[in-house]
PDB file of N, CA and C in Angstrom:
ATOM      1  N   UNK A   1      14.269   8.438  18.287  1.00  0.00           N
ATOM      2  CA  UNK A   1      13.890   8.005  17.044  1.00  0.00           C
ATOM      3  C   UNK A   1      13.014   7.117  17.308  1.00  0.00           C
ATOM      4  N   UNK A   2      11.838   7.796  16.495  1.00  0.00           N
ATOM      5  CA  UNK A   2      10.897   7.173  16.569  1.00  0.00           C
ATOM      6  C   UNK A   2      10.789   5.804  15.445  1.00  0.00           C
ATOM      7  N   UNK A   3      10.095   4.770  15.505  1.00  0.00           N
ATOM      8  CA  UNK A   3       9.796   3.432  14.232  1.00  0.00           C
ATOM      9  C   UNK A   3       8.656   4.306  13.423  1.00  0.00           C
ATOM     10  N   UNK A   4       8.907   4.041  12.695  1.00  0.00           N
ATOM     11  CA  UNK A   4       7.616   3.789  11.666  1.00  0.00           C
ATOM     12  C   UNK A   4       6.652   3.265  11.542  1.00  0.00           C
ATOM     13  N   UNK A   5       5.432   2.886  11.724  1.00  0.00           N
ATOM     14  CA  UNK A   5       3.925   2.466  11.307  1.00  0.00           C
ATOM     15  C   UNK A   5       3.840   2.079   9.814  1.00  0.00           C
ATOM     16  N   UNK A   6       4.316   0.617   9.680  1.00  0.00           N
ATOM     17  CA  UNK A   6       4.146   0.539   8.175  1.00  0.00           C
ATOM     18  C   UNK A   6       2.274  -0.063   7.938  1.00  0.00           C
ATOM     19  N   UNK A   7       2.061  -0.190   7.168  1.00  0.00           N
ATOM     20  CA  UNK A   7       0.575  -0.307   6.912  1.00  0.00           C
ATOM     21  C   UNK A   7       0.525  -0.743   5.075  1.00  0.00           C
ATOM     22  N   UNK A   8       0.257  -2.318   5.124  1.00  0.00           N
ATOM     23  CA  UNK A   8       0.422  -2.511   3.581  1.00  0.00           C
ATOM     24  C   UNK A   8      -0.471  -2.829   3.432  1.00  0.00           C
ATOM     25  N   UNK A   9      -0.925  -2.202   1.636  1.00  0.00           N
ATOM     26  CA  UNK A   9      -2.525  -2.557   1.441  1.00  0.00           C
ATOM     27  C   UNK A   9      -2.469  -3.166  -0.191  1.00  0.00           C
ATOM     28  N   UNK A  10      -3.191  -3.879  -0.459  1.00  0.00           N
ATOM     29  CA  UNK A  10      -2.765  -4.819  -1.857  1.00  0.00           C
ATOM     30  C   UNK A  10      -4.354  -4.810  -2.215  1.00  0.00           C
ATOM     31  N   UNK A  11      -5.460  -5.609  -1.957  1.00  0.00           N
ATOM     32  CA  UNK A  11      -6.197  -6.117  -2.711  1.00  0.00           C
ATOM     33  C   UNK A  11      -7.555  -4.598  -2.102  1.00  0.00           C
ATOM     34  N   UNK A  12      -8.942  -4.723  -2.727  1.00  0.00           N
ATOM     35  CA  UNK A  12      -9.197  -3.252  -2.179  1.00  0.00           C
ATOM     36  C   UNK A  12     -10.090  -2.970  -0.938  1.00  0.00           C
ATOM     37  N   UNK A  13     -10.198  -4.477  -0.098  1.00  0.00           N
ATOM     38  CA  UNK A  13     -11.300  -3.644   1.480  1.00  0.00           C
ATOM     39  C   UNK A  13      -9.495  -2.938   2.585  1.00  0.00           C
ATOM     40  N   UNK A  14      -8.436  -3.658   1.797  1.00  0.00           N
ATOM     41  CA  UNK A  14      -7.452  -3.003   2.669  1.00  0.00           C
ATOM     42  C   UNK A  14      -7.901  -1.607   2.516  1.00  0.00           C
ATOM     43  N   UNK A  15      -7.423  -1.453   1.160  1.00  0.00           N
ATOM     44  CA  UNK A  15      -7.898   0.645   1.192  1.00  0.00           C
ATOM     45  C   UNK A  15      -8.438   1.428   1.284  1.00  0.00           C
ATOM     46  N   UNK A  16     -10.025   0.376   1.895  1.00  0.00           N
ATOM     47  CA  UNK A  16     -10.528   0.988   1.856  1.00  0.00           C
ATOM     48  C   UNK A  16     -10.550   0.785   3.986  1.00  0.00           C
ATOM     49  N   UNK A  17     -10.013   0.031   4.262  1.00  0.00           N
ATOM     50  CA  UNK A  17     -10.127   0.208   5.828  1.00  0.00           C
ATOM     51  C   UNK A  17      -8.614   0.822   6.142  1.00  0.00           C
ATOM     52  N   UNK A  18      -7.265   0.728   5.785  1.00  0.00           N
ATOM     53  CA  UNK A  18      -6.612   1.445   5.587  1.00  0.00           C
ATOM     54  C   UNK A  18      -6.449   3.629   5.685  1.00  0.00           C
ATOM     55  N   UNK A  19      -7.092   3.613   5.006  1.00  0.00           N
ATOM     56  CA  UNK A  19      -7.338   4.942   4.400  1.00  0.00           C
ATOM     57  C   UNK A  19      -7.685   6.117   4.991  1.00  0.00           C
ATOM     58  N   UNK A  20      -8.974   6.003   5.939  1.00  0.00           N
ATOM     59  CA  UNK A  20      -9.009   6.514   7.744  1.00  0.00           C
ATOM     60  C   UNK A  20      -7.385   6.663   8.170  1.00  0.00           C
ATOM     61  N   UNK A  21      -7.163   5.568   8.665  1.00  0.00           N
ATOM     62  CA  UNK A  21      -6.293   5.246   9.555  1.00  0.00           C
ATOM     63  C   UNK A  21      -4.397   5.109   9.280  1.00  0.00           C
ATOM     64  N   UNK A  22      -5.038   6.022   7.689  1.00  0.00           N
ATOM     65  CA  UNK A  22      -3.233   6.443   7.148  1.00  0.00           C
ATOM     66  C   UNK A  22      -3.795   8.087   7.154  1.00  0.00           C
ATOM     67  N   UNK A  23      -5.187   8.151   6.818  1.00  0.00           N
ATOM     68  CA  UNK A  23      -4.643   9.333   6.935  1.00  0.00           C
ATOM     69  C   UNK A  23      -4.243   9.908   8.143  1.00  0.00           C
ATOM     70  N   UNK A  24      -5.059   9.774   9.337  1.00  0.00           N
ATOM     71  CA  UNK A  24      -5.635  10.523  10.863  1.00  0.00           C
ATOM     72  C   UNK A  24      -4.002  10.292  10.747  1.00  0.00           C
ATOM     73  N   UNK A  25      -2.841   9.139  10.892  1.00  0.00           N
ATOM     74  CA  UNK A  25      -1.468   8.749  10.871  1.00  0.00           C
ATOM     75  C   UNK A  25      -0.866  10.269  10.722  1.00  0.00           C
ATOM     76  N   UNK A  26      -1.666  10.941   9.503  1.00  0.00           N
ATOM     77  CA  UNK A  26      -0.079  11.658   8.750  1.00  0.00           C
ATOM     78  C   UNK A  26      -1.097  13.007   9.442  1.00  0.00           C
ATOM     79  N   UNK A  27      -2.257  13.243   9.429  1.00  0.00           N
ATOM     80  CA  UNK A  27      -2.188  14.486  10.594  1.00  0.00           C
ATOM     81  C   UNK A  27      -1.964  14.439  11.259  1.00  0.00           C
ATOM     82  N   UNK A  28      -1.608  13.913  12.374  1.00  0.00           N
ATOM     83  CA  UNK A  28      -0.773  14.107  13.557  1.00  0.00           C
ATOM     84  C   UNK A  28       0.848  13.412  13.355  1.00  0.00           C
ATOM     85  N   UNK A  29       1.440  13.723  12.050  1.00  0.00           N
ATOM     86  CA  UNK A  29       2.665  13.656  11.850  1.00  0.00           C
ATOM     87  C   UNK A  29       3.195  12.261  12.922  1.00  0.00           C
ATOM     88  N   UNK A  30       2.366  11.345  12.368  1.00  0.00           N
ATOM     89  CA  UNK A  30       3.086   9.153  13.361  1.00  0.00           C
ATOM     90  C   UNK A  30       3.430   9.143  11.886  1.00  0.00           C
ATOM     91  N   UNK A  31       4.767   8.904  12.341  1.00  0.00           N
ATOM     92  CA  UNK A  31       5.833   7.874  11.138  1.00  0.00           C
ATOM     93  C   UNK A  31       5.050   6.999  10.295  1.00  0.00           C
ATOM     94  N   UNK A  32       5.056   7.221   9.534  1.00  0.00           N
ATOM     95  CA  UNK A  32       4.813   6.118   8.748  1.00  0.00           C
ATOM     96  C   UNK A  32       4.853   5.435   7.343  1.00  0.00           C
ATOM     97  N   UNK A  33       4.671   4.503   7.040  1.00  0.00           N
ATOM     98  CA  UNK A  33       4.386   4.081   5.325  1.00  0.00           C
ATOM     99  C   UNK A  33       3.743   2.978   4.591  1.00  0.00           C
ATOM    100  N   UNK A  34       3.539   3.541   3.843  1.00  0.00           N
ATOM    101  CA  UNK A  34       2.566   3.112   3.166  1.00  0.00           C
ATOM    102  C   UNK A  34       3.202   1.590   1.945  1.00  0.00           C
ATOM    103  N   UNK A  35       2.865   0.254   2.056  1.00  0.00           N
ATOM    104  CA  UNK A  35       3.537  -0.206   1.000  1.00  0.00           C
ATOM    105  C   UNK A  35       2.650  -0.454   0.461  1.00  0.00           C
ATOM    106  N   UNK A  36       2.336  -0.862  -1.186  1.00  0.00           N
ATOM    107  CA  UNK A  36       1.771  -1.348  -2.148  1.00  0.00           C
ATOM    108  C   UNK A  36       1.796  -2.577  -3.168  1.00  0.00           C
ATOM    109  N   UNK A  37       1.380  -3.296  -2.529  1.00  0.00           N
ATOM    110  CA  UNK A  37       2.153  -5.058  -2.994  1.00  0.00           C
ATOM    111  C   UNK A  37       1.972  -4.988  -4.205  1.00  0.00           C
ATOM    112  N   UNK A  38       1.104  -4.362  -5.203  1.00  0.00           N
ATOM    113  CA  UNK A  38       0.998  -4.078  -6.305  1.00  0.00           C
ATOM    114  C   UNK A  38       0.576  -5.076  -7.118  1.00  0.00           C
ATOM    115  N   UNK A  39      -0.604  -5.897  -6.464  1.00  0.00           N
ATOM    116  CA  UNK A  39      -0.986  -7.264  -6.436  1.00  0.00           C
ATOM    117  C   UNK A  39      -2.508  -6.626  -8.110  1.00  0.00           C
ATOM    118  N   UNK A  40      -2.367  -5.451  -7.249  1.00  0.00           N
ATOM    119  CA  UNK A  40      -3.446  -4.420  -8.318  1.00  0.00           C
ATOM    120  C   UNK A  40      -3.609  -4.131  -9.063  1.00  0.00           C
ATOM    121  N   UNK A  41      -2.969  -4.126 -10.035  1.00  0.00           N
ATOM    122  CA  UNK A  41      -2.005  -2.628 -10.653  1.00  0.00           C
ATOM    123  C   UNK A  41      -2.591  -2.036 -12.014  1.00  0.00           C
ATOM    124  N   UNK A  42      -3.776  -2.473 -12.574  1.00  0.00           N
ATOM    125  CA  UNK A  42      -4.415  -1.497 -12.890  1.00  0.00           C
ATOM    126  C   UNK A  42      -5.226  -0.630 -12.108  1.00  0.00           C
ATOM    127  N   UNK A  43      -5.537   1.384 -13.338  1.00  0.00           N
ATOM    128  CA  UNK A  43      -6.896   2.407 -12.843  1.00  0.00           C
ATOM    129  C   UNK A  43      -7.548   1.840 -11.646  1.00  0.00           C
ATOM    130  N   UNK A  44      -8.233   1.133 -12.260  1.00  0.00           N
ATOM    131  CA  UNK A  44      -9.409   0.840 -11.691  1.00  0.00           C
ATOM    132  C   UNK A  44      -9.315   0.086 -10.450  1.00  0.00           C
ATOM    133  N   UNK A  45      -8.604  -0.863 -10.055  1.00  0.00           N
ATOM    134  CA  UNK A  45      -7.930  -2.069  -9.504  1.00  0.00           C
ATOM    135  C   UNK A  45      -7.042  -1.229  -8.437  1.00  0.00           C
ATOM    136  N   UNK A  46      -6.047   0.033  -8.360  1.00  0.00           N
ATOM    137  CA  UNK A  46      -4.978   0.429  -7.998  1.00  0.00           C
ATOM    138  C   UNK A  46      -5.447   1.826  -7.706  1.00  0.00           C
ATOM    139  N   UNK A  47      -5.082   3.107  -8.973  1.00  0.00           N
ATOM    140  CA  UNK A  47      -4.900   4.316  -9.229  1.00  0.00           C
ATOM    141  C   UNK A  47      -6.170   4.649  -7.980  1.00  0.00           C
ATOM    142  N   UNK A  48      -7.099   4.535  -8.759  1.00  0.00           N
ATOM    143  CA  UNK A  48      -8.081   5.116  -8.599  1.00  0.00           C
ATOM    144  C   UNK A  48      -8.175   4.561  -6.551  1.00  0.00           C
ATOM    145  N   UNK A  49      -8.046   4.106  -5.887  1.00  0.00           N
ATOM    146  CA  UNK A  49      -7.976   4.915  -4.714  1.00  0.00           C
ATOM    147  C   UNK A  49      -7.348   4.932  -3.986  1.00  0.00           C
ATOM    148  N   UNK A  50      -6.173   5.176  -4.133  1.00  0.00           N
ATOM    149  CA  UNK A  50      -5.068   5.925  -3.724  1.00  0.00           C
ATOM    150  C   UNK A  50      -5.539   7.595  -4.014  1.00  0.00           C
ATOM    151  N   UNK A  51      -6.272   7.407  -4.923  1.00  0.00           N
ATOM    152  CA  UNK A  51      -6.564   8.885  -5.549  1.00  0.00           C
ATOM    153  C   UNK A  51      -8.132   9.184  -4.692  1.00  0.00           C
ATOM    154  N   UNK A  52      -8.852   8.507  -4.222  1.00  0.00           N
ATOM    155  CA  UNK A  52     -10.140   8.675  -3.806  1.00  0.00           C
ATOM    156  C   UNK A  52     -10.316   8.482  -1.975  1.00  0.00           C
ATOM    157  N   UNK A  53      -9.222   8.452  -1.578  1.00  0.00           N
ATOM    158  CA  UNK A  53      -9.056   8.584  -0.251  1.00  0.00           C
ATOM    159  C   UNK A  53      -8.103   8.556  -0.222  1.00  0.00           C
ATOM    160  N   UNK A  54      -7.303   9.738  -1.217  1.00  0.00           N
ATOM    161  CA  UNK A  54      -6.263  11.054  -0.900  1.00  0.00           C
ATOM    162  C   UNK A  54      -5.116  10.418  -0.123  1.00  0.00           C
ATOM    163  N   UNK A  55      -4.366   9.102  -0.551  1.00  0.00           N
ATOM    164  CA  UNK A  55      -3.658   8.911  -0.330  1.00  0.00           C
ATOM    165  C   UNK A  55      -2.227   8.497  -0.394  1.00  0.00           C
ATOM    166  N   UNK A  56      -2.457   9.101  -1.860  1.00  0.00           N
ATOM    167  CA  UNK A  56      -1.395  10.264  -2.288  1.00  0.00           C
ATOM    168  C   UNK A  56      -0.756   8.537  -2.970  1.00  0.00           C
ATOM    169  N   UNK A  57       1.208   9.207  -3.236  1.00  0.00           N
ATOM    170  CA  UNK A  57       1.532   7.317  -3.962  1.00  0.00           C
ATOM    171  C   UNK A  57       2.511   6.845  -3.051  1.00  0.00           C
ATOM    172  N   UNK A  58       2.166   5.243  -3.180  1.00  0.00           N
ATOM    173  CA  UNK A  58       3.108   4.691  -1.682  1.00  0.00           C
ATOM    174  C   UNK A  58       4.495   4.992  -1.815  1.00  0.00           C
ATOM    175  N   UNK A  59       4.630   5.162  -0.370  1.00  0.00           N
ATOM    176  CA  UNK A  59       6.495   5.012  -0.640  1.00  0.00           C
ATOM    177  C   UNK A  59       7.316   4.173  -0.658  1.00  0.00           C
ATOM    178  N   UNK A  60       6.372   2.263  -1.200  1.00  0.00           N
ATOM    179  CA  UNK A  60       6.696   1.749  -1.165  1.00  0.00           C
ATOM    180  C   UNK A  60       5.765   0.740  -2.841  1.00  0.00           C
ATOM    181  N   UNK A  61       6.149   0.804  -3.566  1.00  0.00           N
ATOM    182  CA  UNK A  61       5.225  -0.370  -4.725  1.00  0.00           C
ATOM    183  C   UNK A  61       5.995  -1.860  -4.737  1.00  0.00           C
ATOM    184  N   UNK A  62       5.881  -2.595  -4.182  1.00  0.00           N
ATOM    185  CA  UNK A  62       6.146  -4.057  -4.405  1.00  0.00           C
ATOM    186  C   UNK A  62       6.120  -4.261  -6.016  1.00  0.00           C
ATOM    187  N   UNK A  63       4.575  -4.111  -6.740  1.00  0.00           N
ATOM    188  CA  UNK A  63       5.051  -4.597  -8.509  1.00  0.00           C
ATOM    189  C   UNK A  63       4.566  -5.956  -8.078  1.00  0.00           C
ATOM    190  N   UNK A  64       4.170  -6.902  -7.260  1.00  0.00           N
ATOM    191  CA  UNK A  64       3.660  -8.573  -7.787  1.00  0.00           C
ATOM    192  C   UNK A  64       3.041  -8.444  -8.627  1.00  0.00           C
ATOM    193  N   UNK A  65       2.408  -7.441  -9.511  1.00  0.00           N
ATOM    194  CA  UNK A  65       1.356  -8.262 -10.789  1.00  0.00           C
ATOM    195  C   UNK A  65       1.107  -9.265 -10.026  1.00  0.00           C
ATOM    196  N   UNK A  66       0.176 -10.162 -10.852  1.00  0.00           N
ATOM    197  CA  UNK A  66      -0.772 -10.629 -11.177  1.00  0.00           C
ATOM    198  C   UNK A  66      -0.106 -12.754 -11.122  1.00  0.00           C
ATOM    199  N   UNK A  67      -0.734 -13.231 -10.621  1.00  0.00           N
ATOM    200  CA  UNK A  67       0.262 -14.780 -10.693  1.00  0.00           C
ATOM    201  C   UNK A  67      -1.377 -15.195  -9.728  1.00  0.00           C
ATOM    202  N   UNK A  68      -0.304 -17.008  -8.945  1.00  0.00           N
ATOM    203  CA  UNK A  68      -0.389 -17.636  -8.352  1.00  0.00           C
ATOM    204  C   UNK A  68      -0.108 -16.919  -6.513  1.00  0.00           C
ATOM    205  N   UNK A  69      -0.366 -17.279  -5.887  1.00  0.00           N
ATOM    206  CA  UNK A  69       0.004 -16.969  -4.555  1.00  0.00           C
ATOM    207  C   UNK A  69       1.190 -17.398  -4.356  1.00  0.00           C
ATOM    208  N   UNK A  70       1.918 -18.237  -5.135  1.00  0.00           N
ATOM    209  CA  UNK A  70       3.611 -18.197  -5.193  1.00  0.00           C
ATOM    210  C   UNK A  70       4.680 -18.016  -6.203  1.00  0.00           C
ATOM    211  N   UNK A  71       4.013 -17.250  -7.098  1.00  0.00           N
ATOM    212  CA  UNK A  71       4.625 -16.734  -7.658  1.00  0.00           C
ATOM    213  C   UNK A  71       4.645 -15.188  -7.462  1.00  0.00           C
ATOM    214  N   UNK A  72       3.565 -15.177  -6.942  1.00  0.00           N
ATOM    215  CA  UNK A  72       3.775 -13.822  -6.499  1.00  0.00           C
ATOM    216  C   UNK A  72       4.501 -13.147  -5.064  1.00  0.00           C
ATOM    217  N   UNK A  73       4.631 -14.449  -4.116  1.00  0.00           N
ATOM    218  CA  UNK A  73       5.253 -14.366  -2.884  1.00  0.00           C
ATOM    219  C   UNK A  73       6.801 -14.047  -3.879  1.00  0.00           C
ATOM    220  N   UNK A  74       7.555 -14.772  -4.374  1.00  0.00           N
ATOM    221  CA  UNK A  74       8.538 -15.213  -5.737  1.00  0.00           C
ATOM    222  C   UNK A  74       9.096 -13.840  -6.282  1.00  0.00           C
ATOM    223  N   UNK A  75       8.260 -13.078  -6.752  1.00  0.00           N
ATOM    224  CA  UNK A  75       8.301 -11.942  -7.008  1.00  0.00           C
ATOM    225  C   UNK A  75       8.605 -10.490  -6.313  1.00  0.00           C
ATOM    226  N   UNK A  76       8.177 -10.434  -5.008  1.00  0.00           N
ATOM    227  CA  UNK A  76       7.933 -10.006  -4.380  1.00  0.00           C
ATOM    228  C   UNK A  76      10.024  -9.248  -3.586  1.00  0.00           C
ATOM    229  N   UNK A  77       9.900  -8.484  -3.906  1.00  0.00           N
ATOM    230  CA  UNK A  77      11.670  -7.488  -3.117  1.00  0.00           C
ATOM    231  C   UNK A  77      11.514  -7.768  -1.547  1.00  0.00           C
ATOM    232  N   UNK A  78      13.213  -7.636  -1.810  1.00  0.00           N
ATOM    233  CA  UNK A  78      13.890  -7.847  -0.536  1.00  0.00           C
ATOM    234  C   UNK A  78      13.681  -6.044  -0.126  1.00  0.00           C
ATOM    235  N   UNK A  79      13.016  -6.059   0.943  1.00  0.00           N
ATOM    236  CA  UNK A  79      13.365  -4.359   1.716  1.00  0.00           C
ATOM    237  C   UNK A  79      14.763  -4.395   2.556  1.00  0.00           C
ATOM    238  N   UNK A  80      14.984  -3.715   2.585  1.00  0.00           N
ATOM    239  CA  UNK A  80      16.015  -3.151   3.110  1.00  0.00           C
ATOM    240  C   UNK A  80      15.811  -1.782   4.593  1.00  0.00           C
TER     241      UNK A  80
END
């Protein structure tokens, strides 16, 4: 069984860097999980990047929202 490669995106530069890699891995049927931190949650800072870069919907959205570093870290759910 192949373990997945996990890509985490959250800020605008992450989307730009991750999209070609993510799309190439999906084309080659490499087991890939796309996680969105949710730190940018409005349309202009999030959904538009998923649409423009053909990323589809993230597999997991952590929905950390806005706040300082400690607040966002504290809201990050445990993944199992």
